[in-house]
Amino acid sequence: MLKDLLLKHKLFAITGDNASNNDTLCDHLYESLLRQYSDRFDGVKERMRFHGKTSFVRCLAHITNLICDDILKDLKSGSTEEAKALLDNQDKKHKDKKYNLTPDHLPSTGKGAVAKIRLLNLWILRSDQRLQDWAKYPRCIHRKPRYDVKTRWNSAYDMIQQALDLQQEYTEFCGEHRAVKALLPTSNEWVTLHQLAYVLKPFKDKIEEVSKEMPLIVKSLEVYWELDILLNNIKDKVGIFKDLEPTIRDAVIAGITKNSKYQRKMEKHVLLFVAHILDP
């Protein structure tokens, strides 16, 4: 494509996610371009602007999502894959599909309130009858239970927010279905979900801002710095985050670690700093 459009020497950056094959791509492309161009002024070959991995800009929305993933992981939120495997095992074990689910069934990686809501939602979605029972509540008619998917950004936040919006419906549903009565979050766990949604909301806003508005590279540093300020405000209980539970604040430290990792990578890209000053 670069050859057909006569852009080989003009390429200066590639934006992608953190898949290892993107690093391979940058290395391979760099070596290929070096056969025809030089990456510095040498007076012999025409100069190119691509410098391999140091010209690889990582997707900001993807990094922001990874930060949220680490926060949820630290809170032992588990995963959809684990919840589906658990239900598959129970369905296979109980041919009549009649069994009770309790927090004891949850894997060690997912014992918290988020894991309970996810498992409950997946259990409802596995049966037409359960979905009909769910739809009996007026506010649930057009709102199927949600679950999170790794490749669907903000889906964990959306799942938590739906549960909070329909807390009364969840309470009534679990009261009428003995099989999942034990999965209803406790009062303290509902508080945790409220606070977690409060923490995740700014990240959702930032992901949507980056994804929908498609900002120029000149905005990259601003987004990184805003994420850094947000994470530290949460950790230090600044302003609106002053009443957060210690467990959520501790989980945010895992997010800070992830953010710091990519900030170090970002700081190696002179391109970002040049673009920040020389806005094209």
C-alpha atoms as a PDB file:
ATOM      1  CA  MET A   1       0.000   0.000   0.000  1.00  0.00           C
ATOM      2  CA  LEU A   2       2.795   2.410   0.904  1.00  0.00           C
ATOM      3  CA  LYS A   3       4.482   1.616  -2.394  1.00  0.00           C
ATOM      4  CA  ASP A   4       1.322   2.044  -4.484  1.00  0.00           C
ATOM      5  CA  LEU A   5       0.563   5.413  -2.870  1.00  0.00           C
ATOM      6  CA  LEU A   6       4.196   6.571  -3.031  1.00  0.00           C
ATOM      7  CA  LEU A   7       4.268   7.057   0.734  1.00  0.00           C
ATOM      8  CA  LYS A   8       7.121   4.799   1.832  1.00  0.00           C
ATOM      9  CA  HIS A   9       9.460   7.630   2.818  1.00  0.00           C
ATOM     10  CA  LYS A  10       6.625   9.666   4.371  1.00  0.00           C
ATOM     11  CA  LEU A  11       5.424   7.086   6.888  1.00  0.00           C
ATOM     12  CA  PHE A  12       6.268   8.374  10.361  1.00  0.00           C
ATOM     13  CA  ALA A  13       4.105   6.355  12.786  1.00  0.00           C
ATOM     14  CA  ILE A  14       1.908   3.300  13.160  1.00  0.00           C
ATOM     15  CA  THR A  15      -0.808   3.111  15.794  1.00  0.00           C
ATOM     16  CA  GLY A  16      -1.935  -0.290  17.059  1.00  0.00           C
ATOM     17  CA  ASP A  17      -2.754  -2.382  20.104  1.00  0.00           C
ATOM     18  CA  ASN A  18      -0.210  -4.299  22.172  1.00  0.00           C
ATOM     19  CA  ALA A  19      -0.267  -7.551  20.210  1.00  0.00           C
ATOM     20  CA  SER A  20       3.278  -8.861  19.780  1.00  0.00           C
ATOM     21  CA  ASN A  21       2.833  -9.149  16.015  1.00  0.00           C
ATOM     22  CA  ASN A  22       2.636  -5.341  15.845  1.00  0.00           C
ATOM     23  CA  ASP A  23       6.205  -5.138  17.171  1.00  0.00           C
ATOM     24  CA  THR A  24       7.173  -7.727  14.560  1.00  0.00           C
ATOM     25  CA  LEU A  25       5.489  -5.658  11.869  1.00  0.00           C
ATOM     26  CA  CYS A  26       7.422  -2.543  12.853  1.00  0.00           C
ATOM     27  CA  ASP A  27      10.744  -4.404  12.885  1.00  0.00           C
ATOM     28  CA  HIS A  28      10.103  -6.043   9.516  1.00  0.00           C
ATOM     29  CA  LEU A  29       8.890  -2.842   7.865  1.00  0.00           C
ATOM     30  CA  TYR A  30      11.848  -0.896   9.213  1.00  0.00           C
ATOM     31  CA  GLU A  31      14.361  -3.407   7.832  1.00  0.00           C
ATOM     32  CA  SER A  32      12.525  -3.434   4.508  1.00  0.00           C
ATOM     33  CA  LEU A  33      12.517   0.351   4.169  1.00  0.00           C
ATOM     34  CA  LEU A  34      16.224   0.549   5.076  1.00  0.00           C
ATOM     35  CA  ARG A  35      17.068  -1.219   1.820  1.00  0.00           C
ATOM     36  CA  GLN A  36      15.945   1.862  -0.078  1.00  0.00           C
ATOM     37  CA  TYR A  37      16.117   4.703   2.441  1.00  0.00           C
ATOM     38  CA  SER A  38      18.212   5.915   5.352  1.00  0.00           C
ATOM     39  CA  ASP A  39      16.724   6.817   8.731  1.00  0.00           C
ATOM     40  CA  ARG A  40      19.183   9.689   9.105  1.00  0.00           C
ATOM     41  CA  PHE A  41      20.738  12.322   6.847  1.00  0.00           C
ATOM     42  CA  ASP A  42      23.680  10.578   5.156  1.00  0.00           C
ATOM     43  CA  GLY A  43      23.804  12.409   1.822  1.00  0.00           C
ATOM     44  CA  VAL A  44      23.444   9.147  -0.102  1.00  0.00           C
ATOM     45  CA  LYS A  45      19.991   7.671   0.345  1.00  0.00           C
ATOM     46  CA  GLU A  46      16.748   9.602   0.627  1.00  0.00           C
ATOM     47  CA  ARG A  47      15.753   9.982   4.277  1.00  0.00           C
ATOM     48  CA  MET A  48      12.718   8.154   5.664  1.00  0.00           C
ATOM     49  CA  ARG A  49      10.810   9.120   8.781  1.00  0.00           C
ATOM     50  CA  PHE A  50       9.898   5.689  10.158  1.00  0.00           C
ATOM     51  CA  HIS A  51      12.174   4.277  12.877  1.00  0.00           C
ATOM     52  CA  GLY A  52      10.716   0.890  13.713  1.00  0.00           C
ATOM     53  CA  LYS A  53       9.434   0.300  17.244  1.00  0.00           C
ATOM     54  CA  THR A  54      10.245   3.850  18.290  1.00  0.00           C
ATOM     55  CA  SER A  55       7.662   4.957  15.725  1.00  0.00           C
ATOM     56  CA  PHE A  56       5.001   2.633  17.099  1.00  0.00           C
ATOM     57  CA  VAL A  57       2.260   4.557  18.951  1.00  0.00           C
ATOM     58  CA  ARG A  58       0.087   2.385  21.162  1.00  0.00           C
ATOM     59  CA  CYS A  59      -3.668   2.864  21.018  1.00  0.00           C
ATOM     60  CA  LEU A  60      -4.739   5.136  23.882  1.00  0.00           C
ATOM     61  CA  ALA A  61      -8.235   3.667  24.148  1.00  0.00           C
ATOM     62  CA  HIS A  62      -6.757   0.174  24.393  1.00  0.00           C
ATOM     63  CA  ILE A  63      -4.299   1.204  27.117  1.00  0.00           C
ATOM     64  CA  THR A  64      -7.096   2.885  29.078  1.00  0.00           C
ATOM     65  CA  ASN A  65      -9.109  -0.324  28.857  1.00  0.00           C
ATOM     66  CA  LEU A  66      -6.104  -2.348  30.070  1.00  0.00           C
ATOM     67  CA  ILE A  67      -5.874  -0.091  33.130  1.00  0.00           C
ATOM     68  CA  CYS A  68      -9.530  -0.836  33.940  1.00  0.00           C
ATOM     69  CA  ASP A  69      -8.911  -4.566  33.433  1.00  0.00           C
ATOM     70  CA  ASP A  70      -6.103  -4.522  35.998  1.00  0.00           C
ATOM     71  CA  ILE A  71      -8.283  -2.674  38.516  1.00  0.00           C
ATOM     72  CA  LEU A  72     -11.041  -5.279  38.104  1.00  0.00           C
ATOM     73  CA  LYS A  73      -8.572  -8.157  38.284  1.00  0.00           C
ATOM     74  CA  ASP A  74      -7.163  -6.856  41.568  1.00  0.00           C
ATOM     75  CA  LEU A  75     -10.727  -6.784  42.941  1.00  0.00           C
ATOM     76  CA  LYS A  76     -11.070 -10.497  42.064  1.00  0.00           C
ATOM     77  CA  SER A  77     -13.788  -9.793  39.541  1.00  0.00           C
ATOM     78  CA  GLY A  78     -13.106 -12.975  37.592  1.00  0.00           C
ATOM     79  CA  SER A  79     -13.930 -13.335  33.898  1.00  0.00           C
ATOM     80  CA  THR A  80     -16.785 -14.254  31.606  1.00  0.00           C
ATOM     81  CA  GLU A  81     -14.843 -17.281  30.383  1.00  0.00           C
ATOM     82  CA  GLU A  82     -14.626 -18.657  33.937  1.00  0.00           C
ATOM     83  CA  ALA A  83     -18.311 -18.024  34.573  1.00  0.00           C
ATOM     84  CA  LYS A  84     -19.347 -19.756  31.351  1.00  0.00           C
ATOM     85  CA  ALA A  85     -17.119 -22.740  32.152  1.00  0.00           C
ATOM     86  CA  LEU A  86     -18.680 -22.966  35.615  1.00  0.00           C
ATOM     87  CA  LEU A  87     -22.203 -23.020  34.156  1.00  0.00           C
ATOM     88  CA  ASP A  88     -21.188 -25.546  31.488  1.00  0.00           C
ATOM     89  CA  ASN A  89     -19.882 -27.834  34.219  1.00  0.00           C
ATOM     90  CA  GLN A  90     -23.053 -27.497  36.308  1.00  0.00           C
ATOM     91  CA  ASP A  91     -25.324 -28.070  33.315  1.00  0.00           C
ATOM     92  CA  LYS A  92     -23.359 -31.191  32.444  1.00  0.00           C
ATOM     93  CA  LYS A  93     -23.374 -32.426  36.031  1.00  0.00           C
ATOM     94  CA  HIS A  94     -27.120 -31.802  36.509  1.00  0.00           C
ATOM     95  CA  LYS A  95     -28.914 -33.046  33.436  1.00  0.00           C
ATOM     96  CA  ASP A  96     -32.225 -31.624  34.627  1.00  0.00           C
ATOM     97  CA  LYS A  97     -30.573 -28.185  34.896  1.00  0.00           C
ATOM     98  CA  LYS A  98     -31.861 -27.933  38.461  1.00  0.00           C
ATOM     99  CA  TYR A  99     -29.127 -26.829  40.823  1.00  0.00           C
ATOM    100  CA  ASN A 100     -28.396 -23.978  43.211  1.00  0.00           C
ATOM    101  CA  LEU A 101     -25.559 -21.532  42.619  1.00  0.00           C
ATOM    102  CA  THR A 102     -23.701 -20.072  45.584  1.00  0.00           C
ATOM    103  CA  PRO A 103     -20.583 -17.897  45.991  1.00  0.00           C
ATOM    104  CA  ASP A 104     -18.720 -21.120  46.809  1.00  0.00           C
ATOM    105  CA  HIS A 105     -19.067 -22.114  43.162  1.00  0.00           C
ATOM    106  CA  LEU A 106     -17.136 -19.038  42.057  1.00  0.00           C
ATOM    107  CA  PRO A 107     -13.440 -19.556  41.232  1.00  0.00           C
ATOM    108  CA  SER A 108     -10.807 -18.045  43.516  1.00  0.00           C
ATOM    109  CA  THR A 109     -10.070 -15.368  40.908  1.00  0.00           C
ATOM    110  CA  GLY A 110     -13.650 -14.142  40.999  1.00  0.00           C
ATOM    111  CA  LYS A 111     -15.317 -14.021  44.419  1.00  0.00           C
ATOM    112  CA  GLY A 112     -16.512 -10.434  44.484  1.00  0.00           C
ATOM    113  CA  ALA A 113     -19.748  -8.620  43.686  1.00  0.00           C
ATOM    114  CA  VAL A 114     -18.862  -8.205  39.995  1.00  0.00           C
ATOM    115  CA  ALA A 115     -18.402 -11.967  39.652  1.00  0.00           C
ATOM    116  CA  LYS A 116     -21.779 -12.568  41.295  1.00  0.00           C
ATOM    117  CA  ILE A 117     -23.618 -10.235  38.921  1.00  0.00           C
ATOM    118  CA  ARG A 118     -21.878 -11.703  35.888  1.00  0.00           C
ATOM    119  CA  LEU A 119     -22.709 -15.285  36.856  1.00  0.00           C
ATOM    120  CA  LEU A 120     -26.298 -14.358  37.639  1.00  0.00           C
ATOM    121  CA  ASN A 121     -26.711 -12.622  34.267  1.00  0.00           C
ATOM    122  CA  LEU A 122     -25.252 -15.537  32.321  1.00  0.00           C
ATOM    123  CA  TRP A 123     -27.508 -17.967  34.218  1.00  0.00           C
ATOM    124  CA  ILE A 124     -30.571 -15.936  33.227  1.00  0.00           C
ATOM    125  CA  LEU A 125     -29.498 -15.744  29.587  1.00  0.00           C
ATOM    126  CA  ARG A 126     -29.158 -19.539  29.328  1.00  0.00           C
ATOM    127  CA  SER A 127     -32.891 -20.169  29.546  1.00  0.00           C
ATOM    128  CA  ASP A 128     -35.854 -18.774  27.627  1.00  0.00           C
ATOM    129  CA  GLN A 129     -38.017 -19.325  30.696  1.00  0.00           C
ATOM    130  CA  ARG A 130     -35.622 -17.361  32.900  1.00  0.00           C
ATOM    131  CA  LEU A 131     -35.560 -14.549  30.346  1.00  0.00           C
ATOM    132  CA  GLN A 132     -39.355 -14.492  30.352  1.00  0.00           C
ATOM    133  CA  ASP A 133     -39.338 -14.294  34.136  1.00  0.00           C
ATOM    134  CA  TRP A 134     -36.818 -11.451  33.909  1.00  0.00           C
ATOM    135  CA  ALA A 135     -38.949  -9.576  31.359  1.00  0.00           C
ATOM    136  CA  LYS A 136     -41.962  -9.633  33.700  1.00  0.00           C
ATOM    137  CA  TYR A 137     -40.514  -6.570  35.394  1.00  0.00           C
ATOM    138  CA  PRO A 138     -41.564  -3.449  33.445  1.00  0.00           C
ATOM    139  CA  ARG A 139     -38.075  -1.926  33.384  1.00  0.00           C
ATOM    140  CA  CYS A 140     -36.515  -5.199  32.165  1.00  0.00           C
ATOM    141  CA  ILE A 141     -38.697  -5.806  29.099  1.00  0.00           C
ATOM    142  CA  HIS A 142     -36.156  -4.368  26.663  1.00  0.00           C
ATOM    143  CA  ARG A 143     -33.062  -4.771  28.831  1.00  0.00           C
ATOM    144  CA  LYS A 144     -31.493  -8.224  28.728  1.00  0.00           C
ATOM    145  CA  PRO A 145     -28.871  -8.885  31.417  1.00  0.00           C
ATOM    146  CA  ARG A 146     -25.426  -7.795  30.265  1.00  0.00           C
ATOM    147  CA  TYR A 147     -22.069  -9.452  30.686  1.00  0.00           C
ATOM    148  CA  ASP A 148     -18.573  -8.221  29.962  1.00  0.00           C
ATOM    149  CA  VAL A 149     -16.322  -9.266  27.081  1.00  0.00           C
ATOM    150  CA  LYS A 150     -12.596  -8.485  26.983  1.00  0.00           C
ATOM    151  CA  THR A 151     -12.730  -7.174  23.433  1.00  0.00           C
ATOM    152  CA  ARG A 152     -15.785  -5.006  24.138  1.00  0.00           C
ATOM    153  CA  TRP A 153     -14.445  -1.891  25.827  1.00  0.00           C
ATOM    154  CA  ASN A 154     -16.409  -0.572  28.812  1.00  0.00           C
ATOM    155  CA  SER A 155     -18.578  -3.694  28.916  1.00  0.00           C
ATOM    156  CA  ALA A 156     -17.681  -4.358  32.570  1.00  0.00           C
ATOM    157  CA  TYR A 157     -18.761  -0.831  33.490  1.00  0.00           C
ATOM    158  CA  ASP A 158     -21.976  -1.230  31.487  1.00  0.00           C
ATOM    159  CA  MET A 159     -22.743  -4.528  33.261  1.00  0.00           C
ATOM    160  CA  ILE A 160     -22.184  -2.953  36.692  1.00  0.00           C
ATOM    161  CA  GLN A 161     -24.208   0.147  35.856  1.00  0.00           C
ATOM    162  CA  GLN A 162     -27.150  -1.906  34.599  1.00  0.00           C
ATOM    163  CA  ALA A 163     -27.137  -3.919  37.834  1.00  0.00           C
ATOM    164  CA  LEU A 164     -27.176  -0.711  39.866  1.00  0.00           C
ATOM    165  CA  ASP A 165     -30.008   0.737  37.775  1.00  0.00           C
ATOM    166  CA  LEU A 166     -32.045  -2.451  38.264  1.00  0.00           C
ATOM    167  CA  GLN A 167     -31.072  -3.276  41.857  1.00  0.00           C
ATOM    168  CA  GLN A 168     -34.703  -3.635  42.935  1.00  0.00           C
ATOM    169  CA  GLU A 169     -35.463  -5.966  40.012  1.00  0.00           C
ATOM    170  CA  TYR A 170     -32.424  -8.116  40.807  1.00  0.00           C
ATOM    171  CA  THR A 171     -33.524  -8.329  44.423  1.00  0.00           C
ATOM    172  CA  GLU A 172     -37.034  -9.458  43.479  1.00  0.00           C
ATOM    173  CA  PHE A 173     -35.804 -11.875  40.814  1.00  0.00           C
ATOM    174  CA  CYS A 174     -33.368 -13.602  43.178  1.00  0.00           C
ATOM    175  CA  GLY A 175     -36.081 -13.748  45.836  1.00  0.00           C
ATOM    176  CA  GLU A 176     -38.296 -15.660  43.392  1.00  0.00           C
ATOM    177  CA  HIS A 177     -35.562 -17.988  42.099  1.00  0.00           C
ATOM    178  CA  ARG A 178     -34.066 -20.064  44.855  1.00  0.00           C
ATOM    179  CA  ALA A 179     -31.364 -21.408  42.536  1.00  0.00           C
ATOM    180  CA  VAL A 180     -29.586 -18.040  42.455  1.00  0.00           C
ATOM    181  CA  LYS A 181     -30.781 -16.442  45.675  1.00  0.00           C
ATOM    182  CA  ALA A 182     -27.285 -16.677  47.164  1.00  0.00           C
ATOM    183  CA  LEU A 183     -25.800 -14.698  44.246  1.00  0.00           C
ATOM    184  CA  LEU A 184     -27.627 -11.498  45.133  1.00  0.00           C
ATOM    185  CA  PRO A 185     -24.978  -9.005  46.301  1.00  0.00           C
ATOM    186  CA  THR A 186     -25.053  -8.071  49.978  1.00  0.00           C
ATOM    187  CA  SER A 187     -25.705  -4.507  51.099  1.00  0.00           C
ATOM    188  CA  ASN A 188     -21.973  -3.893  51.431  1.00  0.00           C
ATOM    189  CA  GLU A 189     -21.360  -5.361  47.986  1.00  0.00           C
ATOM    190  CA  TRP A 190     -23.927  -3.012  46.439  1.00  0.00           C
ATOM    191  CA  VAL A 191     -21.981  -0.141  47.981  1.00  0.00           C
ATOM    192  CA  THR A 192     -18.804  -1.543  46.452  1.00  0.00           C
ATOM    193  CA  LEU A 193     -20.483  -1.725  43.038  1.00  0.00           C
ATOM    194  CA  HIS A 194     -21.617   1.888  43.354  1.00  0.00           C
ATOM    195  CA  GLN A 195     -18.100   3.036  44.183  1.00  0.00           C
ATOM    196  CA  LEU A 196     -16.536   0.911  41.472  1.00  0.00           C
ATOM    197  CA  ALA A 197     -18.899   2.382  38.881  1.00  0.00           C
ATOM    198  CA  TYR A 198     -17.917   5.821  40.155  1.00  0.00           C
ATOM    199  CA  VAL A 199     -14.245   4.996  39.548  1.00  0.00           C
ATOM    200  CA  LEU A 200     -14.743   3.376  36.135  1.00  0.00           C
ATOM    201  CA  LYS A 201     -16.996   6.105  34.710  1.00  0.00           C
ATOM    202  CA  PRO A 202     -14.157   8.605  33.944  1.00  0.00           C
ATOM    203  CA  PHE A 203     -12.274   5.844  32.121  1.00  0.00           C
ATOM    204  CA  LYS A 204     -15.337   5.056  30.010  1.00  0.00           C
ATOM    205  CA  ASP A 205     -15.654   8.735  29.146  1.00  0.00           C
ATOM    206  CA  LYS A 206     -11.978   8.889  28.166  1.00  0.00           C
ATOM    207  CA  ILE A 207     -12.198   5.732  26.014  1.00  0.00           C
ATOM    208  CA  GLU A 208     -15.259   7.056  24.213  1.00  0.00           C
ATOM    209  CA  GLU A 209     -13.608  10.440  23.706  1.00  0.00           C
ATOM    210  CA  VAL A 210     -10.565   8.852  22.109  1.00  0.00           C
ATOM    211  CA  SER A 211     -12.557   6.292  20.105  1.00  0.00           C
ATOM    212  CA  LYS A 212     -15.315   8.539  18.754  1.00  0.00           C
ATOM    213  CA  GLU A 213     -13.553  11.823  18.207  1.00  0.00           C
ATOM    214  CA  MET A 214     -10.435  10.252  16.655  1.00  0.00           C
ATOM    215  CA  PRO A 215      -8.109  12.975  18.058  1.00  0.00           C
ATOM    216  CA  LEU A 216      -4.857  13.836  16.336  1.00  0.00           C
ATOM    217  CA  ILE A 217      -1.566  12.566  17.715  1.00  0.00           C
ATOM    218  CA  VAL A 218      -1.023  16.016  19.215  1.00  0.00           C
ATOM    219  CA  LYS A 219      -3.602  15.098  21.885  1.00  0.00           C
ATOM    220  CA  SER A 220      -1.747  11.974  23.013  1.00  0.00           C
ATOM    221  CA  LEU A 221       0.327  13.561  25.765  1.00  0.00           C
ATOM    222  CA  GLU A 222      -2.712  15.330  27.184  1.00  0.00           C
ATOM    223  CA  VAL A 223      -4.621  12.052  27.448  1.00  0.00           C
ATOM    224  CA  TYR A 224      -1.684  10.297  29.142  1.00  0.00           C
ATOM    225  CA  TRP A 225      -1.275  13.126  31.638  1.00  0.00           C
ATOM    226  CA  GLU A 226      -5.024  13.260  32.349  1.00  0.00           C
ATOM    227  CA  LEU A 227      -5.032   9.511  33.056  1.00  0.00           C
ATOM    228  CA  ASP A 228      -2.076   9.922  35.387  1.00  0.00           C
ATOM    229  CA  ILE A 229      -3.816  12.717  37.328  1.00  0.00           C
ATOM    230  CA  LEU A 230      -7.082  10.742  37.514  1.00  0.00           C
ATOM    231  CA  LEU A 231      -5.412   7.607  38.873  1.00  0.00           C
ATOM    232  CA  ASN A 232      -3.429   9.501  41.490  1.00  0.00           C
ATOM    233  CA  ASN A 233      -6.511  11.466  42.583  1.00  0.00           C
ATOM    234  CA  ILE A 234      -8.287   8.151  43.184  1.00  0.00           C
ATOM    235  CA  LYS A 235      -5.315   6.696  45.075  1.00  0.00           C
ATOM    236  CA  ASP A 236      -4.915   9.807  47.229  1.00  0.00           C
ATOM    237  CA  LYS A 237      -8.672  10.198  47.899  1.00  0.00           C
ATOM    238  CA  VAL A 238      -8.782  13.651  46.362  1.00  0.00           C
ATOM    239  CA  GLY A 239     -12.101  15.470  45.936  1.00  0.00           C
ATOM    240  CA  ILE A 240     -14.952  13.237  44.790  1.00  0.00           C
ATOM    241  CA  PHE A 241     -12.926  10.099  45.592  1.00  0.00           C
ATOM    242  CA  LYS A 242     -12.426  10.859  49.293  1.00  0.00           C
ATOM    243  CA  ASP A 243     -14.855   8.192  50.565  1.00  0.00           C
ATOM    244  CA  LEU A 244     -13.689   5.235  48.487  1.00  0.00           C
ATOM    245  CA  GLU A 245     -13.274   1.840  50.149  1.00  0.00           C
ATOM    246  CA  PRO A 246      -9.643   0.811  50.781  1.00  0.00           C
ATOM    247  CA  THR A 247     -10.036  -2.263  48.537  1.00  0.00           C
ATOM    248  CA  ILE A 248     -10.950  -0.108  45.542  1.00  0.00           C
ATOM    249  CA  ARG A 249      -8.120   2.344  46.224  1.00  0.00           C
ATOM    250  CA  ASP A 250      -5.682  -0.569  46.482  1.00  0.00           C
ATOM    251  CA  ALA A 251      -6.978  -1.952  43.179  1.00  0.00           C
ATOM    252  CA  VAL A 252      -6.351   1.408  41.538  1.00  0.00           C
ATOM    253  CA  ILE A 253      -2.664   1.026  42.405  1.00  0.00           C
ATOM    254  CA  ALA A 254      -2.624  -1.935  39.993  1.00  0.00           C
ATOM    255  CA  GLY A 255      -4.015   0.425  37.374  1.00  0.00           C
ATOM    256  CA  ILE A 256      -1.296   2.957  38.170  1.00  0.00           C
ATOM    257  CA  THR A 257       1.331   0.265  37.615  1.00  0.00           C
ATOM    258  CA  LYS A 258      -0.131  -0.503  34.183  1.00  0.00           C
ATOM    259  CA  ASN A 259      -0.330   3.184  33.285  1.00  0.00           C
ATOM    260  CA  SER A 260       3.275   3.753  34.370  1.00  0.00           C
ATOM    261  CA  LYS A 261       4.408   0.888  32.147  1.00  0.00           C
ATOM    262  CA  TYR A 262       2.963   2.526  29.051  1.00  0.00           C
ATOM    263  CA  GLN A 263       4.023   6.002  30.096  1.00  0.00           C
ATOM    264  CA  ARG A 264       7.607   4.769  30.082  1.00  0.00           C
ATOM    265  CA  LYS A 265       7.072   3.447  26.565  1.00  0.00           C
ATOM    266  CA  MET A 266       5.464   6.728  25.545  1.00  0.00           C
ATOM    267  CA  GLU A 267       8.376   8.778  26.856  1.00  0.00           C
ATOM    268  CA  LYS A 268      10.674   7.047  24.365  1.00  0.00           C
ATOM    269  CA  HIS A 269       8.672   8.496  21.466  1.00  0.00           C
ATOM    270  CA  VAL A 270      10.149  11.881  20.647  1.00  0.00           C
ATOM    271  CA  LEU A 271       7.466  12.049  17.960  1.00  0.00           C
ATOM    272  CA  LEU A 272       4.718  12.603  20.553  1.00  0.00           C
ATOM    273  CA  PHE A 273       6.552  15.525  22.155  1.00  0.00           C
ATOM    274  CA  VAL A 274       7.374  17.096  18.788  1.00  0.00           C
ATOM    275  CA  ALA A 275       3.741  16.779  17.680  1.00  0.00           C
ATOM    276  CA  HIS A 276       2.585  18.296  20.980  1.00  0.00           C
ATOM    277  CA  ILE A 277       4.653  21.429  20.285  1.00  0.00           C
ATOM    278  CA  LEU A 278       4.428  21.610  16.500  1.00  0.00           C
ATOM    279  CA  ASP A 279       0.705  20.983  16.064  1.00  0.00           C
ATOM    280  CA  PRO A 280       0.324  20.289  12.310  1.00  0.00           C
END
